[in-house]
Every structure is written in C-alpha cells, then in structure tokens.
C-alpha cells in the first residue's frame, strides 16, 4: 500500500522523536555522572539554513570530537537540565562523521 505524504511525514517525525529521546537521555546521563573528558550543552544554530523551530542544538564533545543534533522546539524540554553555551562553534562534521565519532566515544 502506498503511503500518503502526510503518513510519511508522521513516520519521519516519529523517528526524530525517538532519536531525540535517546540522545537526550545519553546527554543527561553523561552530565549526571560527570563523565570524564565530556562536555554536554545546548546551543543555538546560527544562520539562515534551518527553520526557526529547529534551531536548538544539543552538543556532546569529547576532546576534539564534536557531535551535534538539532531538536525541534516541541522537544526542547528534553534538554532543560543541560547548560547552554552561547559561544558554540560547529566544526563542520556531517551526519556520517557524527555517528562514527559517537561509536569511537562509546563502543
């Protein structure tokens, strides 16, 4: 059965919601146990290349390894216990590199 555009958007949004819950849980876990050598914070995406309701960025850094995820405004509450950083600079990594870094940090 062929799915409608609306059904596909709903599936995509649900996948982002699941991803956001998992990565927010990881970030809060790192913060709560003061995991050595990690820095976890929330920042704001600067620039015209993102929609206004997707500008919240969760950042996890371990040394030179930076990993970032955009969060929709409707899920910012998942990040409410994390500190913010107004001076954040994205290092230019793409999605594939982000997950390679995540694996190097935790697996």
C-alpha atoms as a PDB file:
ATOM      1  CA  UNK A   1       0.000   0.000   0.000  1.00  0.00           C
ATOM      2  CA  UNK A   2       1.359   3.410  -0.969  1.00  0.00           C
ATOM      3  CA  UNK A   3       1.651   5.907   1.866  1.00  0.00           C
ATOM      4  CA  UNK A   4       0.477   9.492   1.589  1.00  0.00           C
ATOM      5  CA  UNK A   5       2.819  12.420   2.083  1.00  0.00           C
ATOM      6  CA  UNK A   6       1.159  13.103   5.438  1.00  0.00           C
ATOM      7  CA  UNK A   7       1.747   9.499   6.578  1.00  0.00           C
ATOM      8  CA  UNK A   8       5.398   9.673   5.527  1.00  0.00           C
ATOM      9  CA  UNK A   9       5.874  12.962   7.392  1.00  0.00           C
ATOM     10  CA  UNK A  10       4.321  11.412  10.503  1.00  0.00           C
ATOM     11  CA  UNK A  11       6.696   8.434  10.266  1.00  0.00           C
ATOM     12  CA  UNK A  12       9.684  10.774   9.862  1.00  0.00           C
ATOM     13  CA  UNK A  13       8.593  12.926  12.804  1.00  0.00           C
ATOM     14  CA  UNK A  14       8.149   9.836  14.998  1.00  0.00           C
ATOM     15  CA  UNK A  15      11.657   8.640  14.079  1.00  0.00           C
ATOM     16  CA  UNK A  16      13.118  12.044  15.011  1.00  0.00           C
ATOM     17  CA  UNK A  17      11.178  11.932  18.280  1.00  0.00           C
ATOM     18  CA  UNK A  18      12.630   8.533  19.153  1.00  0.00           C
ATOM     19  CA  UNK A  19      16.139   9.652  18.210  1.00  0.00           C
ATOM     20  CA  UNK A  20      15.789  12.816  20.280  1.00  0.00           C
ATOM     21  CA  UNK A  21      14.658  10.921  23.371  1.00  0.00           C
ATOM     22  CA  UNK A  22      17.611   8.530  23.103  1.00  0.00           C
ATOM     23  CA  UNK A  23      20.261  11.190  22.531  1.00  0.00           C
ATOM     24  CA  UNK A  24      18.792  13.466  25.232  1.00  0.00           C
ATOM     25  CA  UNK A  25      18.899  10.528  27.671  1.00  0.00           C
ATOM     26  CA  UNK A  26      22.545   9.911  26.761  1.00  0.00           C
ATOM     27  CA  UNK A  27      23.409  13.605  27.194  1.00  0.00           C
ATOM     28  CA  UNK A  28      21.712  13.794  30.593  1.00  0.00           C
ATOM     29  CA  UNK A  29      23.407  10.568  31.661  1.00  0.00           C
ATOM     30  CA  UNK A  30      26.827  11.955  30.701  1.00  0.00           C
ATOM     31  CA  UNK A  31      26.087  15.160  32.604  1.00  0.00           C
ATOM     32  CA  UNK A  32      24.700  13.382  35.681  1.00  0.00           C
ATOM     33  CA  UNK A  33      27.679  11.113  36.179  1.00  0.00           C
ATOM     34  CA  UNK A  34      30.190  13.838  35.259  1.00  0.00           C
ATOM     35  CA  UNK A  35      31.681  11.521  32.689  1.00  0.00           C
ATOM     36  CA  UNK A  36      35.374  12.431  32.405  1.00  0.00           C
ATOM     37  CA  UNK A  37      36.520  14.317  29.330  1.00  0.00           C
ATOM     38  CA  UNK A  38      32.993  15.021  28.055  1.00  0.00           C
ATOM     39  CA  UNK A  39      31.268  18.357  27.672  1.00  0.00           C
ATOM     40  CA  UNK A  40      27.496  18.451  27.096  1.00  0.00           C
ATOM     41  CA  UNK A  41      25.479  21.594  26.411  1.00  0.00           C
ATOM     42  CA  UNK A  42      22.685  23.187  24.412  1.00  0.00           C
ATOM     43  CA  UNK A  43      23.364  25.865  21.811  1.00  0.00           C
ATOM     44  CA  UNK A  44      21.501  27.743  19.110  1.00  0.00           C
ATOM     45  CA  UNK A  45      22.033  27.198  15.389  1.00  0.00           C
ATOM     46  CA  UNK A  46      23.028  30.469  13.736  1.00  0.00           C
ATOM     47  CA  UNK A  47      22.371  31.077  10.049  1.00  0.00           C
ATOM     48  CA  UNK A  48      19.568  31.045   7.532  1.00  0.00           C
ATOM     49  CA  UNK A  49      19.840  27.358   6.614  1.00  0.00           C
ATOM     50  CA  UNK A  50      17.492  25.981   9.310  1.00  0.00           C
ATOM     51  CA  UNK A  51      13.843  26.569  10.115  1.00  0.00           C
ATOM     52  CA  UNK A  52      13.279  28.675  13.229  1.00  0.00           C
ATOM     53  CA  UNK A  53      11.674  25.812  15.171  1.00  0.00           C
ATOM     54  CA  UNK A  54      14.730  23.555  14.613  1.00  0.00           C
ATOM     55  CA  UNK A  55      17.486  25.899  15.872  1.00  0.00           C
ATOM     56  CA  UNK A  56      18.116  24.192  19.219  1.00  0.00           C
ATOM     57  CA  UNK A  57      21.316  22.135  19.061  1.00  0.00           C
ATOM     58  CA  UNK A  58      22.434  19.502  21.545  1.00  0.00           C
ATOM     59  CA  UNK A  59      26.229  19.276  21.592  1.00  0.00           C
ATOM     60  CA  UNK A  60      28.336  16.459  23.026  1.00  0.00           C
ATOM     61  CA  UNK A  61      32.093  16.917  22.897  1.00  0.00           C
ATOM     62  CA  UNK A  62      34.910  14.631  23.932  1.00  0.00           C
ATOM     63  CA  UNK A  63      38.225  16.283  23.345  1.00  0.00           C
ATOM     64  CA  UNK A  64      38.317  17.227  19.672  1.00  0.00           C
ATOM     65  CA  UNK A  65      35.313  15.050  18.817  1.00  0.00           C
ATOM     66  CA  UNK A  66      32.152  17.134  18.477  1.00  0.00           C
ATOM     67  CA  UNK A  67      28.709  15.611  17.887  1.00  0.00           C
ATOM     68  CA  UNK A  68      25.574  17.708  17.351  1.00  0.00           C
ATOM     69  CA  UNK A  69      21.846  17.100  16.970  1.00  0.00           C
ATOM     70  CA  UNK A  70      19.113  19.589  16.094  1.00  0.00           C
ATOM     71  CA  UNK A  71      15.994  19.453  18.243  1.00  0.00           C
ATOM     72  CA  UNK A  72      12.547  20.722  17.345  1.00  0.00           C
ATOM     73  CA  UNK A  73      11.143  23.352  19.719  1.00  0.00           C
ATOM     74  CA  UNK A  74       8.446  20.895  20.791  1.00  0.00           C
ATOM     75  CA  UNK A  75      11.162  18.665  22.322  1.00  0.00           C
ATOM     76  CA  UNK A  76      13.379  21.308  23.953  1.00  0.00           C
ATOM     77  CA  UNK A  77      12.027  20.158  27.316  1.00  0.00           C
ATOM     78  CA  UNK A  78      14.185  17.023  26.956  1.00  0.00           C
ATOM     79  CA  UNK A  79      17.242  19.292  27.272  1.00  0.00           C
ATOM     80  CA  UNK A  80      16.069  21.534  30.107  1.00  0.00           C
ATOM     81  CA  UNK A  81      18.609  20.203  32.652  1.00  0.00           C
ATOM     82  CA  UNK A  82      21.606  20.856  30.407  1.00  0.00           C
ATOM     83  CA  UNK A  83      23.701  24.032  30.439  1.00  0.00           C
ATOM     84  CA  UNK A  84      23.791  26.391  27.470  1.00  0.00           C
ATOM     85  CA  UNK A  85      26.754  27.761  25.564  1.00  0.00           C
ATOM     86  CA  UNK A  86      26.348  30.972  23.595  1.00  0.00           C
ATOM     87  CA  UNK A  87      29.877  30.737  22.114  1.00  0.00           C
ATOM     88  CA  UNK A  88      29.436  27.330  20.453  1.00  0.00           C
ATOM     89  CA  UNK A  89      31.089  26.814  17.063  1.00  0.00           C
ATOM     90  CA  UNK A  90      30.127  23.869  14.849  1.00  0.00           C
ATOM     91  CA  UNK A  91      33.194  22.054  13.496  1.00  0.00           C
ATOM     92  CA  UNK A  92      31.617  21.145  10.136  1.00  0.00           C
ATOM     93  CA  UNK A  93      31.045  17.416  10.713  1.00  0.00           C
ATOM     94  CA  UNK A  94      28.326  15.658   8.734  1.00  0.00           C
ATOM     95  CA  UNK A  95      25.868  13.018   9.963  1.00  0.00           C
ATOM     96  CA  UNK A  96      28.052  10.054   8.985  1.00  0.00           C
ATOM     97  CA  UNK A  97      31.070  11.524  10.806  1.00  0.00           C
ATOM     98  CA  UNK A  98      28.924  12.368  13.845  1.00  0.00           C
ATOM     99  CA  UNK A  99      27.867   8.741  14.286  1.00  0.00           C
ATOM    100  CA  UNK A 100      31.409   7.471  13.617  1.00  0.00           C
ATOM    101  CA  UNK A 101      32.553   9.762  16.429  1.00  0.00           C
ATOM    102  CA  UNK A 102      29.768   8.537  18.690  1.00  0.00           C
ATOM    103  CA  UNK A 103      30.892   4.956  18.146  1.00  0.00           C
ATOM    104  CA  UNK A 104      34.532   5.889  18.832  1.00  0.00           C
ATOM    105  CA  UNK A 105      33.487   7.535  22.112  1.00  0.00           C
ATOM    106  CA  UNK A 106      31.242   4.803  23.465  1.00  0.00           C
ATOM    107  CA  UNK A 107      31.893   1.477  21.745  1.00  0.00           C
END
